[in-house]
Amino acid sequence: MGSARRIMIVGNGDVADEAAAVIDRCDVVIRFNGCRNFGVAGCRTDVIALCNTGRPAKALLDSESWRDSAPVKAAQALWMVRDPAKFASLQADILADYPELDDFFDDYTGDFADFCAARGKQHRVLAAAVHEAADHALSEFSPAPYVVPSSGMIVISHMLDQPEHRQDDIVLVGFSHTGWDGHPFAAEERLINRYIAEGRLSRFGVAPSSTSQGDV
């Protein structure tokens, strides 16, 4: 195994002023969807993790400014956080409780694959087992009913599950644990804080022994 790397997972929330330079010095930087704080939160971008179903996916694909944006041009890989087969298996149950999510399961994975092929980027679909492991871990915190884990939670679960990353320093920044009410953000924050207390993750600007949200 090679030497440990520093991997920064950059949420779309606020970051401290000094974060940009630290992020750009990391070995790997993972961002999400529209990379809303690109620039303020540094410019290095190795991976963009995407919601590949529903309106968010369509909005990105339809946006020329996103397709030609600096982070998309820089990224070596686009990761799909929603396994199509897993989402197909969830559809009936979710629509029974949330009928307003009628387009939530529209699958654009193939469109992103075509985009990656045309731009010379790696296209990767994160496994259904990652989603299932996140659900299982979150269940320990008795979350209120929710639709699916957030993209951030899926990526964190994926990184912690990969043997090649077990010696790496995985750092979070820009995670506010707020947003769409279909994600279990309160439970996610508690789970992430447990991972931090166990030494599996850290937050930028927060001492490793702390479980507070800090400046993200």
N, C-alpha and C. Protein backbone atom coordinates (compact mmCIF):
# COMPACT_ATOMS: atom_id res chain seq x y z
N MET A 1 0.85 -1.19 0.00
CA MET A 1 0.00 0.00 0.00
C MET A 1 0.89 1.25 0.00
N GLY A 2 0.47 2.27 -0.76
CA GLY A 2 1.23 3.50 -0.83
C GLY A 2 1.08 4.32 0.43
N SER A 3 1.77 5.45 0.43
CA SER A 3 1.70 6.33 1.60
C SER A 3 0.32 6.94 1.73
N ALA A 4 -0.02 7.33 2.94
CA ALA A 4 -1.33 7.90 3.21
C ALA A 4 -1.49 9.23 2.48
N ARG A 5 -2.70 9.47 2.02
CA ARG A 5 -3.01 10.71 1.32
C ARG A 5 -4.00 11.51 2.15
N ARG A 6 -4.09 12.81 1.86
CA ARG A 6 -5.11 13.65 2.48
C ARG A 6 -6.22 13.87 1.47
N ILE A 7 -7.41 13.44 1.83
CA ILE A 7 -8.57 13.52 0.95
C ILE A 7 -9.58 14.47 1.57
N MET A 8 -9.94 15.50 0.86
CA MET A 8 -10.90 16.49 1.35
C MET A 8 -12.25 16.27 0.66
N ILE A 9 -13.29 16.08 1.45
CA ILE A 9 -14.66 15.99 0.93
C ILE A 9 -15.32 17.32 1.22
N VAL A 10 -15.64 18.05 0.15
CA VAL A 10 -16.08 19.43 0.26
C VAL A 10 -17.58 19.53 0.02
N GLY A 11 -18.34 19.76 1.09
CA GLY A 11 -19.76 20.01 0.94
C GLY A 11 -20.00 21.39 0.35
N ASN A 12 -21.25 21.70 0.06
CA ASN A 12 -21.59 22.97 -0.58
C ASN A 12 -21.93 24.07 0.42
N GLY A 13 -21.64 23.85 1.70
CA GLY A 13 -21.91 24.86 2.71
C GLY A 13 -20.76 25.85 2.85
N ASP A 14 -20.88 26.72 3.85
CA ASP A 14 -19.86 27.74 4.11
C ASP A 14 -18.56 27.09 4.57
N VAL A 15 -17.45 27.77 4.25
CA VAL A 15 -16.15 27.31 4.70
C VAL A 15 -15.40 28.48 5.32
N ALA A 16 -14.44 28.17 6.16
CA ALA A 16 -13.60 29.21 6.76
C ALA A 16 -12.70 29.84 5.71
N ASP A 17 -12.30 31.08 5.95
CA ASP A 17 -11.50 31.83 4.99
C ASP A 17 -10.22 31.10 4.61
N GLU A 18 -9.63 30.41 5.57
CA GLU A 18 -8.34 29.77 5.31
C GLU A 18 -8.48 28.39 4.66
N ALA A 19 -9.70 27.96 4.40
CA ALA A 19 -9.90 26.60 3.89
C ALA A 19 -9.39 26.43 2.47
N ALA A 20 -9.53 27.45 1.63
CA ALA A 20 -9.23 27.30 0.20
C ALA A 20 -7.81 26.79 -0.04
N ALA A 21 -6.85 27.42 0.60
CA ALA A 21 -5.46 27.03 0.38
C ALA A 21 -5.20 25.60 0.86
N VAL A 22 -5.82 25.23 1.99
CA VAL A 22 -5.65 23.88 2.52
C VAL A 22 -6.26 22.86 1.56
N ILE A 23 -7.46 23.15 1.06
CA ILE A 23 -8.13 22.25 0.12
C ILE A 23 -7.27 22.04 -1.12
N ASP A 24 -6.72 23.10 -1.65
CA ASP A 24 -5.95 22.99 -2.89
C ASP A 24 -4.64 22.25 -2.72
N ARG A 25 -4.18 22.09 -1.48
CA ARG A 25 -2.95 21.32 -1.23
C ARG A 25 -3.23 19.83 -0.99
N CYS A 26 -4.48 19.44 -0.94
CA CYS A 26 -4.82 18.03 -0.67
C CYS A 26 -4.47 17.15 -1.87
N ASP A 27 -4.37 15.86 -1.61
CA ASP A 27 -4.06 14.90 -2.68
C ASP A 27 -5.27 14.59 -3.54
N VAL A 28 -6.45 14.59 -2.92
CA VAL A 28 -7.70 14.32 -3.64
C VAL A 28 -8.77 15.24 -3.07
N VAL A 29 -9.56 15.87 -3.95
CA VAL A 29 -10.67 16.72 -3.52
C VAL A 29 -11.94 16.23 -4.21
N ILE A 30 -12.95 15.96 -3.40
CA ILE A 30 -14.26 15.50 -3.89
C ILE A 30 -15.28 16.60 -3.62
N ARG A 31 -16.01 17.00 -4.64
CA ARG A 31 -17.06 18.00 -4.51
C ARG A 31 -18.39 17.39 -4.94
N PHE A 32 -19.46 18.22 -4.88
CA PHE A 32 -20.80 17.70 -5.11
C PHE A 32 -21.59 18.56 -6.09
N ASN A 33 -22.27 17.89 -6.99
CA ASN A 33 -23.27 18.50 -7.87
C ASN A 33 -22.78 19.81 -8.50
N GLY A 34 -23.37 20.94 -8.14
CA GLY A 34 -23.01 22.21 -8.75
C GLY A 34 -21.77 22.86 -8.21
N CYS A 35 -21.12 22.24 -7.22
CA CYS A 35 -19.87 22.80 -6.64
C CYS A 35 -20.05 24.28 -6.30
N ARG A 36 -21.08 24.58 -5.52
CA ARG A 36 -21.51 25.97 -5.35
C ARG A 36 -20.45 26.87 -4.71
N ASN A 37 -19.58 26.31 -3.87
CA ASN A 37 -18.60 27.16 -3.22
C ASN A 37 -17.22 27.04 -3.86
N PHE A 38 -17.17 26.55 -5.09
CA PHE A 38 -15.91 26.49 -5.84
C PHE A 38 -15.27 27.87 -5.87
N GLY A 39 -13.98 27.92 -5.62
CA GLY A 39 -13.28 29.20 -5.55
C GLY A 39 -13.12 29.62 -4.10
N VAL A 40 -14.22 29.91 -3.45
CA VAL A 40 -14.17 30.23 -2.01
C VAL A 40 -13.62 29.04 -1.25
N ALA A 41 -14.01 27.84 -1.68
CA ALA A 41 -13.53 26.61 -1.05
C ALA A 41 -12.46 25.95 -1.91
N GLY A 42 -11.57 26.75 -2.46
CA GLY A 42 -10.50 26.21 -3.27
C GLY A 42 -10.97 25.86 -4.68
N CYS A 43 -10.02 25.43 -5.49
CA CYS A 43 -10.30 25.13 -6.89
C CYS A 43 -9.97 23.69 -7.29
N ARG A 44 -9.10 23.04 -6.55
CA ARG A 44 -8.77 21.67 -6.92
C ARG A 44 -10.03 20.82 -6.90
N THR A 45 -10.22 20.04 -7.95
CA THR A 45 -11.39 19.16 -8.05
C THR A 45 -10.95 17.89 -8.78
N ASP A 46 -10.95 16.77 -8.08
CA ASP A 46 -10.61 15.49 -8.68
C ASP A 46 -11.85 14.66 -9.01
N VAL A 47 -12.86 14.77 -8.15
CA VAL A 47 -14.10 13.99 -8.31
C VAL A 47 -15.28 14.91 -8.03
N ILE A 48 -16.34 14.77 -8.83
CA ILE A 48 -17.61 15.39 -8.50
C ILE A 48 -18.62 14.27 -8.32
N ALA A 49 -19.23 14.22 -7.14
CA ALA A 49 -20.27 13.24 -6.84
C ALA A 49 -21.62 13.87 -7.15
N LEU A 50 -22.46 13.14 -7.88
CA LEU A 50 -23.69 13.70 -8.43
C LEU A 50 -24.93 12.92 -8.05
N CYS A 51 -26.03 13.64 -7.84
CA CYS A 51 -27.35 13.01 -7.85
C CYS A 51 -27.67 12.73 -9.31
N ASN A 52 -27.81 11.47 -9.67
CA ASN A 52 -27.99 11.10 -11.07
C ASN A 52 -29.43 10.72 -11.41
N THR A 53 -30.35 11.06 -10.51
CA THR A 53 -31.77 10.86 -10.80
C THR A 53 -32.53 12.15 -10.50
N GLY A 54 -33.70 12.26 -11.09
CA GLY A 54 -34.61 13.34 -10.76
C GLY A 54 -34.21 14.70 -11.29
N ARG A 55 -34.89 15.73 -10.75
CA ARG A 55 -34.70 17.10 -11.23
C ARG A 55 -33.27 17.61 -11.10
N PRO A 56 -32.57 17.32 -9.98
CA PRO A 56 -31.19 17.82 -9.90
C PRO A 56 -30.31 17.31 -11.04
N ALA A 57 -30.46 16.04 -11.39
CA ALA A 57 -29.66 15.48 -12.48
C ALA A 57 -29.99 16.15 -13.80
N LYS A 58 -31.27 16.30 -14.09
CA LYS A 58 -31.68 16.92 -15.35
C LYS A 58 -31.20 18.37 -15.43
N ALA A 59 -31.29 19.09 -14.31
CA ALA A 59 -30.86 20.49 -14.29
C ALA A 59 -29.38 20.61 -14.63
N LEU A 60 -28.56 19.71 -14.10
CA LEU A 60 -27.13 19.75 -14.40
C LEU A 60 -26.87 19.44 -15.86
N LEU A 61 -27.48 18.39 -16.35
CA LEU A 61 -27.25 18.00 -17.74
C LEU A 61 -27.72 19.07 -18.72
N ASP A 62 -28.78 19.76 -18.37
CA ASP A 62 -29.33 20.80 -19.25
C ASP A 62 -28.58 22.12 -19.16
N SER A 63 -27.66 22.22 -18.20
CA SER A 63 -26.97 23.49 -17.96
C SER A 63 -25.63 23.54 -18.69
N GLU A 64 -25.56 24.37 -19.70
CA GLU A 64 -24.29 24.53 -20.41
C GLU A 64 -23.24 25.11 -19.48
N SER A 65 -23.66 26.01 -18.58
CA SER A 65 -22.68 26.62 -17.67
C SER A 65 -22.10 25.57 -16.73
N TRP A 66 -22.90 24.57 -16.29
CA TRP A 66 -22.36 23.50 -15.46
C TRP A 66 -21.42 22.63 -16.29
N ARG A 67 -21.85 22.21 -17.46
CA ARG A 67 -21.04 21.30 -18.28
C ARG A 67 -19.69 21.90 -18.64
N ASP A 68 -19.65 23.21 -18.79
CA ASP A 68 -18.40 23.88 -19.16
C ASP A 68 -17.74 24.60 -17.99
N SER A 69 -18.18 24.31 -16.78
CA SER A 69 -17.65 25.00 -15.61
C SER A 69 -16.24 24.53 -15.28
N ALA A 70 -15.52 25.35 -14.54
CA ALA A 70 -14.14 25.02 -14.17
C ALA A 70 -14.03 23.72 -13.37
N PRO A 71 -14.90 23.49 -12.36
CA PRO A 71 -14.75 22.24 -11.62
C PRO A 71 -15.03 21.01 -12.46
N VAL A 72 -16.02 21.09 -13.36
CA VAL A 72 -16.32 19.95 -14.21
C VAL A 72 -15.16 19.69 -15.17
N LYS A 73 -14.60 20.75 -15.72
CA LYS A 73 -13.44 20.58 -16.60
C LYS A 73 -12.26 19.95 -15.85
N ALA A 74 -12.09 20.33 -14.59
CA ALA A 74 -10.94 19.84 -13.82
C ALA A 74 -11.12 18.40 -13.35
N ALA A 75 -12.35 17.98 -13.09
CA ALA A 75 -12.60 16.67 -12.49
C ALA A 75 -12.14 15.53 -13.39
N GLN A 76 -11.48 14.57 -12.79
CA GLN A 76 -11.08 13.37 -13.51
C GLN A 76 -12.21 12.35 -13.56
N ALA A 77 -13.14 12.43 -12.61
CA ALA A 77 -14.19 11.43 -12.51
C ALA A 77 -15.49 12.04 -12.02
N LEU A 78 -16.60 11.50 -12.50
CA LEU A 78 -17.92 11.82 -11.96
C LEU A 78 -18.47 10.55 -11.33
N TRP A 79 -18.89 10.68 -10.07
CA TRP A 79 -19.46 9.55 -9.34
C TRP A 79 -20.96 9.72 -9.23
N MET A 80 -21.67 8.65 -9.54
CA MET A 80 -23.13 8.63 -9.40
C MET A 80 -23.46 8.08 -8.02
N VAL A 81 -24.16 8.84 -7.18
CA VAL A 81 -24.42 8.40 -5.81
C VAL A 81 -25.66 7.51 -5.71
N ARG A 82 -26.42 7.38 -6.80
CA ARG A 82 -27.66 6.61 -6.76
C ARG A 82 -27.60 5.43 -7.72
N ASP A 83 -27.44 4.25 -7.16
CA ASP A 83 -27.41 3.04 -7.96
C ASP A 83 -28.78 2.85 -8.62
N PRO A 84 -28.87 2.77 -9.95
CA PRO A 84 -30.18 2.71 -10.62
C PRO A 84 -31.04 1.53 -10.17
N ALA A 85 -30.44 0.36 -10.02
CA ALA A 85 -31.22 -0.80 -9.62
C ALA A 85 -31.74 -0.63 -8.19
N LYS A 86 -30.92 -0.07 -7.31
CA LYS A 86 -31.37 0.18 -5.94
C LYS A 86 -32.54 1.14 -5.92
N PHE A 87 -32.45 2.21 -6.71
CA PHE A 87 -33.52 3.19 -6.72
C PHE A 87 -34.79 2.63 -7.35
N ALA A 88 -34.64 1.77 -8.33
CA ALA A 88 -35.83 1.13 -8.90
C ALA A 88 -36.53 0.27 -7.85
N SER A 89 -35.74 -0.38 -7.00
CA SER A 89 -36.35 -1.23 -5.96
C SER A 89 -37.04 -0.41 -4.88
N LEU A 90 -36.64 0.85 -4.71
CA LEU A 90 -37.23 1.72 -3.69
C LEU A 90 -38.48 2.45 -4.18
N GLN A 91 -38.67 2.49 -5.48
CA GLN A 91 -39.65 3.40 -6.06
C GLN A 91 -41.06 3.23 -5.52
N ALA A 92 -41.57 2.02 -5.51
CA ALA A 92 -42.97 1.82 -5.10
C ALA A 92 -43.19 2.27 -3.66
N ASP A 93 -42.31 1.88 -2.77
CA ASP A 93 -42.49 2.23 -1.35
C ASP A 93 -42.37 3.74 -1.13
N ILE A 94 -41.41 4.37 -1.78
CA ILE A 94 -41.24 5.80 -1.58
C ILE A 94 -42.41 6.57 -2.16
N LEU A 95 -42.87 6.21 -3.34
CA LEU A 95 -44.00 6.93 -3.93
C LEU A 95 -45.29 6.71 -3.16
N ALA A 96 -45.40 5.59 -2.45
CA ALA A 96 -46.59 5.38 -1.62
C ALA A 96 -46.65 6.41 -0.50
N ASP A 97 -45.49 6.81 0.02
CA ASP A 97 -45.43 7.78 1.11
C ASP A 97 -45.23 9.21 0.62
N TYR A 98 -44.59 9.35 -0.54
CA TYR A 98 -44.25 10.68 -1.07
C TYR A 98 -44.68 10.76 -2.54
N PRO A 99 -45.97 10.77 -2.81
CA PRO A 99 -46.42 10.75 -4.21
C PRO A 99 -45.96 11.97 -5.01
N GLU A 100 -45.61 13.04 -4.33
CA GLU A 100 -45.14 14.24 -5.03
C GLU A 100 -43.78 14.04 -5.70
N LEU A 101 -43.07 12.96 -5.34
CA LEU A 101 -41.75 12.70 -5.92
C LEU A 101 -41.89 11.88 -7.20
N ASP A 102 -42.81 12.29 -8.05
CA ASP A 102 -43.11 11.48 -9.23
C ASP A 102 -41.97 11.42 -10.23
N ASP A 103 -41.08 12.41 -10.22
CA ASP A 103 -39.95 12.38 -11.15
C ASP A 103 -38.62 12.08 -10.44
N PHE A 104 -38.69 11.72 -9.18
CA PHE A 104 -37.49 11.48 -8.38
C PHE A 104 -36.67 10.31 -8.93
N PHE A 105 -37.34 9.39 -9.61
CA PHE A 105 -36.68 8.16 -10.08
C PHE A 105 -36.31 8.21 -11.55
N ASP A 106 -36.52 9.34 -12.20
CA ASP A 106 -36.06 9.48 -13.58
C ASP A 106 -34.55 9.33 -13.60
N ASP A 107 -34.06 8.36 -14.35
CA ASP A 107 -32.66 7.96 -14.26
C ASP A 107 -31.85 8.57 -15.41
N TYR A 108 -30.82 9.34 -15.04
CA TYR A 108 -29.96 9.99 -16.03
C TYR A 108 -28.53 9.43 -16.00
N THR A 109 -28.38 8.23 -15.43
CA THR A 109 -27.05 7.64 -15.32
C THR A 109 -26.40 7.48 -16.69
N GLY A 110 -27.17 7.00 -17.64
CA GLY A 110 -26.63 6.80 -18.99
C GLY A 110 -26.21 8.11 -19.64
N ASP A 111 -26.97 9.17 -19.39
CA ASP A 111 -26.61 10.48 -19.95
C ASP A 111 -25.29 10.98 -19.37
N PHE A 112 -25.09 10.77 -18.07
CA PHE A 112 -23.82 11.17 -17.47
C PHE A 112 -22.68 10.29 -17.99
N ALA A 113 -22.96 9.01 -18.23
CA ALA A 113 -21.93 8.13 -18.81
C ALA A 113 -21.51 8.63 -20.18
N ASP A 114 -22.48 9.04 -21.00
CA ASP A 114 -22.17 9.58 -22.33
C ASP A 114 -21.35 10.86 -22.21
N PHE A 115 -21.74 11.70 -21.26
CA PHE A 115 -21.01 12.96 -21.04
C PHE A 115 -19.56 12.66 -20.67
N CYS A 116 -19.35 11.71 -19.76
CA CYS A 116 -18.00 11.35 -19.34
C CYS A 116 -17.19 10.80 -20.51
N ALA A 117 -17.81 9.95 -21.31
CA ALA A 117 -17.10 9.37 -22.45
C ALA A 117 -16.66 10.46 -23.42
N ALA A 118 -17.53 11.44 -23.63
CA ALA A 118 -17.21 12.52 -24.55
C ALA A 118 -16.11 13.44 -24.01
N ARG A 119 -16.03 13.55 -22.68
CA ARG A 119 -15.06 14.47 -22.06
C ARG A 119 -13.81 13.75 -21.53
N GLY A 120 -13.73 12.45 -21.71
CA GLY A 120 -12.56 11.71 -21.25
C GLY A 120 -12.46 11.58 -19.75
N LYS A 121 -13.61 11.44 -19.08
CA LYS A 121 -13.64 11.32 -17.62
C LYS A 121 -14.10 9.93 -17.21
N GLN A 122 -13.67 9.51 -16.03
CA GLN A 122 -14.15 8.25 -15.47
C GLN A 122 -15.59 8.41 -15.01
N HIS A 123 -16.42 7.42 -15.29
CA HIS A 123 -17.81 7.39 -14.82
C HIS A 123 -17.94 6.22 -13.86
N ARG A 124 -18.41 6.51 -12.64
CA ARG A 124 -18.50 5.45 -11.63
C ARG A 124 -19.84 5.53 -10.92
N VAL A 125 -20.50 4.40 -10.78
CA VAL A 125 -21.75 4.31 -10.02
C VAL A 125 -21.42 3.68 -8.67
N LEU A 126 -21.68 4.40 -7.59
CA LEU A 126 -21.43 3.85 -6.26
C LEU A 126 -22.42 2.73 -5.98
N ALA A 127 -21.94 1.67 -5.39
CA ALA A 127 -22.72 0.44 -5.27
C ALA A 127 -23.92 0.59 -4.36
N ALA A 128 -24.95 -0.19 -4.67
CA ALA A 128 -26.14 -0.22 -3.83
C ALA A 128 -25.80 -0.57 -2.39
N ALA A 129 -24.77 -1.40 -2.19
CA ALA A 129 -24.39 -1.79 -0.83
C ALA A 129 -23.95 -0.60 0.00
N VAL A 130 -23.43 0.44 -0.64
CA VAL A 130 -23.03 1.65 0.10
C VAL A 130 -24.26 2.33 0.67
N HIS A 131 -25.30 2.47 -0.16
CA HIS A 131 -26.57 3.05 0.29
C HIS A 131 -27.14 2.23 1.45
N GLU A 132 -27.13 0.92 1.30
CA GLU A 132 -27.70 0.04 2.34
C GLU A 132 -26.90 0.12 3.64
N ALA A 133 -25.58 0.23 3.53
CA ALA A 133 -24.75 0.35 4.73
C ALA A 133 -25.02 1.68 5.43
N ALA A 134 -25.23 2.74 4.65
CA ALA A 134 -25.54 4.04 5.26
C ALA A 134 -26.87 3.99 5.98
N ASP A 135 -27.88 3.40 5.35
CA ASP A 135 -29.18 3.25 6.01
C ASP A 135 -29.05 2.49 7.33
N HIS A 136 -28.27 1.41 7.30
CA HIS A 136 -28.11 0.59 8.50
C HIS A 136 -27.43 1.38 9.61
N ALA A 137 -26.36 2.10 9.27
CA ALA A 137 -25.64 2.88 10.27
C ALA A 137 -26.51 3.99 10.83
N LEU A 138 -27.29 4.64 9.98
CA LEU A 138 -28.16 5.72 10.43
C LEU A 138 -29.27 5.21 11.35
N SER A 139 -29.68 3.97 11.16
CA SER A 139 -30.79 3.43 11.96
C SER A 139 -30.48 3.42 13.45
N GLU A 140 -29.21 3.41 13.81
CA GLU A 140 -28.83 3.42 15.22
C GLU A 140 -29.21 4.72 15.91
N PHE A 141 -29.47 5.76 15.12
CA PHE A 141 -29.77 7.08 15.68
C PHE A 141 -31.25 7.43 15.55
N SER A 142 -32.08 6.42 15.27
CA SER A 142 -33.55 6.56 15.21
C SER A 142 -33.98 7.80 14.43
N PRO A 143 -33.57 7.89 13.16
CA PRO A 143 -33.95 9.07 12.39
C PRO A 143 -35.45 9.12 12.15
N ALA A 144 -35.97 10.33 12.00
CA ALA A 144 -37.36 10.47 11.55
C ALA A 144 -37.46 9.88 10.15
N PRO A 145 -38.68 9.55 9.72
CA PRO A 145 -38.83 8.99 8.36
C PRO A 145 -38.14 9.88 7.32
N TYR A 146 -37.42 9.26 6.41
CA TYR A 146 -36.70 10.01 5.38
C TYR A 146 -36.77 9.24 4.06
N VAL A 147 -36.37 9.93 3.00
CA VAL A 147 -36.43 9.32 1.67
C VAL A 147 -35.15 8.53 1.39
N VAL A 148 -34.02 9.22 1.36
CA VAL A 148 -32.73 8.57 1.12
C VAL A 148 -31.65 9.36 1.85
N PRO A 149 -30.51 8.73 2.14
CA PRO A 149 -29.38 9.48 2.70
C PRO A 149 -28.91 10.55 1.70
N SER A 150 -28.25 11.58 2.22
CA SER A 150 -27.73 12.63 1.36
C SER A 150 -26.55 12.12 0.54
N SER A 151 -26.24 12.86 -0.52
CA SER A 151 -25.08 12.52 -1.34
C SER A 151 -23.81 12.51 -0.50
N GLY A 152 -23.69 13.48 0.42
CA GLY A 152 -22.52 13.52 1.28
C GLY A 152 -22.37 12.27 2.12
N MET A 153 -23.48 11.79 2.67
CA MET A 153 -23.45 10.59 3.49
C MET A 153 -23.05 9.37 2.67
N ILE A 154 -23.56 9.29 1.44
CA ILE A 154 -23.22 8.17 0.58
C ILE A 154 -21.73 8.17 0.27
N VAL A 155 -21.18 9.33 -0.06
CA VAL A 155 -19.76 9.40 -0.39
C VAL A 155 -18.90 9.07 0.82
N ILE A 156 -19.26 9.59 1.99
CA ILE A 156 -18.51 9.27 3.20
C ILE A 156 -18.55 7.76 3.46
N SER A 157 -19.72 7.16 3.34
CA SER A 157 -19.84 5.71 3.56
C SER A 157 -18.98 4.93 2.57
N HIS A 158 -18.98 5.38 1.33
CA HIS A 158 -18.16 4.73 0.31
C HIS A 158 -16.68 4.82 0.66
N MET A 159 -16.22 6.00 1.03
CA MET A 159 -14.80 6.18 1.32
C MET A 159 -14.36 5.35 2.52
N LEU A 160 -15.20 5.30 3.54
CA LEU A 160 -14.83 4.54 4.74
C LEU A 160 -14.86 3.04 4.50
N ASP A 161 -15.58 2.62 3.47
CA ASP A 161 -15.69 1.19 3.17
C ASP A 161 -14.56 0.67 2.30
N GLN A 162 -13.82 1.57 1.65
CA GLN A 162 -12.79 1.13 0.70
C GLN A 162 -11.47 0.84 1.40
N PRO A 163 -10.96 -0.40 1.27
CA PRO A 163 -9.70 -0.73 1.96
C PRO A 163 -8.55 0.19 1.59
N GLU A 164 -8.53 0.66 0.33
CA GLU A 164 -7.40 1.49 -0.10
C GLU A 164 -7.36 2.86 0.58
N HIS A 165 -8.46 3.23 1.27
CA HIS A 165 -8.50 4.53 1.93
C HIS A 165 -8.34 4.44 3.45
N ARG A 166 -8.09 3.26 3.97
CA ARG A 166 -8.08 3.11 5.42
C ARG A 166 -6.91 3.79 6.10
N GLN A 167 -5.85 4.03 5.37
CA GLN A 167 -4.71 4.76 5.95
C GLN A 167 -4.74 6.24 5.59
N ASP A 168 -5.72 6.65 4.77
CA ASP A 168 -5.78 8.03 4.33
C ASP A 168 -6.40 8.93 5.40
N ASP A 169 -6.07 10.20 5.32
CA ASP A 169 -6.63 11.22 6.20
C ASP A 169 -7.82 11.83 5.46
N ILE A 170 -9.02 11.47 5.86
CA ILE A 170 -10.24 11.92 5.19
C ILE A 170 -10.84 13.06 6.00
N VAL A 171 -10.96 14.22 5.38
CA VAL A 171 -11.34 15.44 6.06
C VAL A 171 -12.60 16.01 5.42
N LEU A 172 -13.52 16.49 6.26
CA LEU A 172 -14.76 17.11 5.78
C LEU A 172 -14.69 18.62 5.96
N VAL A 173 -15.27 19.34 5.01
CA VAL A 173 -15.42 20.78 5.13
C VAL A 173 -16.66 21.18 4.34
N GLY A 174 -17.35 22.23 4.79
CA GLY A 174 -18.53 22.69 4.07
C GLY A 174 -19.76 21.83 4.29
N PHE A 175 -19.82 21.09 5.37
CA PHE A 175 -20.97 20.26 5.70
C PHE A 175 -21.80 20.97 6.78
N SER A 176 -22.97 21.46 6.41
CA SER A 176 -23.83 22.15 7.37
C SER A 176 -24.92 21.26 7.92
N HIS A 177 -25.11 20.07 7.33
CA HIS A 177 -26.15 19.13 7.76
C HIS A 177 -27.54 19.76 7.71
N THR A 178 -27.78 20.55 6.68
CA THR A 178 -29.09 21.13 6.44
C THR A 178 -29.40 21.03 4.95
N GLY A 179 -30.68 21.11 4.62
CA GLY A 179 -31.07 21.04 3.21
C GLY A 179 -32.40 20.36 3.05
N TRP A 180 -32.55 19.62 1.97
CA TRP A 180 -33.81 18.97 1.64
C TRP A 180 -34.30 18.09 2.79
N ASP A 181 -35.57 18.20 3.12
CA ASP A 181 -36.08 17.46 4.28
C ASP A 181 -36.28 15.98 4.00
N GLY A 182 -35.99 15.53 2.78
CA GLY A 182 -36.01 14.09 2.49
C GLY A 182 -34.75 13.37 2.92
N HIS A 183 -33.74 14.12 3.37
CA HIS A 183 -32.51 13.53 3.90
C HIS A 183 -32.53 13.58 5.43
N PRO A 184 -31.97 12.58 6.11
CA PRO A 184 -31.98 12.55 7.58
C PRO A 184 -30.78 13.29 8.17
N PHE A 185 -30.76 14.62 8.00
CA PHE A 185 -29.55 15.36 8.34
C PHE A 185 -29.17 15.28 9.81
N ALA A 186 -30.15 15.29 10.71
CA ALA A 186 -29.80 15.24 12.13
C ALA A 186 -29.11 13.93 12.47
N ALA A 187 -29.64 12.82 11.96
CA ALA A 187 -29.00 11.53 12.20
C ALA A 187 -27.65 11.44 11.51
N GLU A 188 -27.54 12.02 10.31
CA GLU A 188 -26.26 12.01 9.62
C GLU A 188 -25.19 12.75 10.41
N GLU A 189 -25.56 13.89 10.98
CA GLU A 189 -24.58 14.63 11.77
C GLU A 189 -24.11 13.81 12.97
N ARG A 190 -25.04 13.14 13.62
CA ARG A 190 -24.66 12.32 14.78
C ARG A 190 -23.77 11.15 14.36
N LEU A 191 -24.08 10.52 13.23
CA LEU A 191 -23.26 9.41 12.75
C LEU A 191 -21.86 9.91 12.38
N ILE A 192 -21.79 11.00 11.66
CA ILE A 192 -20.49 11.55 11.27
C ILE A 192 -19.68 11.94 12.50
N ASN A 193 -20.32 12.53 13.49
CA ASN A 193 -19.60 12.87 14.71
C ASN A 193 -19.07 11.63 15.41
N ARG A 194 -19.80 10.52 15.34
CA ARG A 194 -19.28 9.28 15.91
C ARG A 194 -18.05 8.82 15.14
N TYR A 195 -18.10 8.89 13.82
CA TYR A 195 -16.92 8.51 13.02
C TYR A 195 -15.71 9.39 13.37
N ILE A 196 -15.97 10.67 13.62
CA ILE A 196 -14.88 11.57 13.99
C ILE A 196 -14.32 11.17 15.36
N ALA A 197 -15.20 10.87 16.31
CA ALA A 197 -14.75 10.45 17.64
C ALA A 197 -13.94 9.17 17.57
N GLU A 198 -14.25 8.31 16.60
CA GLU A 198 -13.52 7.05 16.43
C GLU A 198 -12.21 7.23 15.65
N GLY A 199 -11.98 8.45 15.17
CA GLY A 199 -10.75 8.72 14.44
C GLY A 199 -10.79 8.32 12.98
N ARG A 200 -11.97 8.04 12.45
CA ARG A 200 -12.07 7.61 11.05
C ARG A 200 -12.18 8.79 10.10
N LEU A 201 -12.59 9.94 10.61
CA LEU A 201 -12.74 11.17 9.84
C LEU A 201 -12.27 12.32 10.69
N SER A 202 -12.11 13.49 10.05
CA SER A 202 -11.95 14.73 10.80
C SER A 202 -12.66 15.84 10.05
N ARG A 203 -12.85 16.96 10.75
CA ARG A 203 -13.41 18.16 10.11
C ARG A 203 -12.32 19.21 10.05
N PHE A 204 -12.26 19.92 8.96
CA PHE A 204 -11.28 20.99 8.84
C PHE A 204 -11.53 22.04 9.93
N GLY A 205 -10.48 22.39 10.65
CA GLY A 205 -10.57 23.42 11.66
C GLY A 205 -11.10 22.94 12.99
N VAL A 206 -11.34 21.63 13.14
CA VAL A 206 -11.86 21.08 14.40
C VAL A 206 -10.88 20.04 14.89
N ALA A 207 -10.51 20.09 16.16
CA ALA A 207 -9.58 19.12 16.73
C ALA A 207 -10.14 17.72 16.56
N PRO A 208 -9.30 16.72 16.26
CA PRO A 208 -9.79 15.36 16.03
C PRO A 208 -10.61 14.79 17.16
N SER A 209 -10.37 15.21 18.40
CA SER A 209 -11.11 14.65 19.53
C SER A 209 -12.48 15.30 19.71
N SER A 210 -12.74 16.36 18.98
CA SER A 210 -14.00 17.09 19.12
C SER A 210 -15.08 16.47 18.27
N THR A 211 -16.33 16.49 18.75
CA THR A 211 -17.45 16.03 17.94
C THR A 211 -18.40 17.17 17.62
N SER A 212 -17.95 18.41 17.81
CA SER A 212 -18.80 19.54 17.49
C SER A 212 -18.81 19.79 16.00
N GLN A 213 -19.81 20.54 15.52
CA GLN A 213 -19.90 20.84 14.10
C GLN A 213 -18.79 21.79 13.67
N GLY A 214 -18.30 22.60 14.57
CA GLY A 214 -17.20 23.49 14.24
C GLY A 214 -17.59 24.51 13.20
N ASP A 215 -16.65 24.77 12.25
CA ASP A 215 -16.88 25.84 11.29
C ASP A 215 -17.45 25.34 9.98
N VAL A 216 -17.95 24.11 9.95
CA VAL A 216 -18.60 23.63 8.74
C VAL A 216 -20.02 23.36 9.06
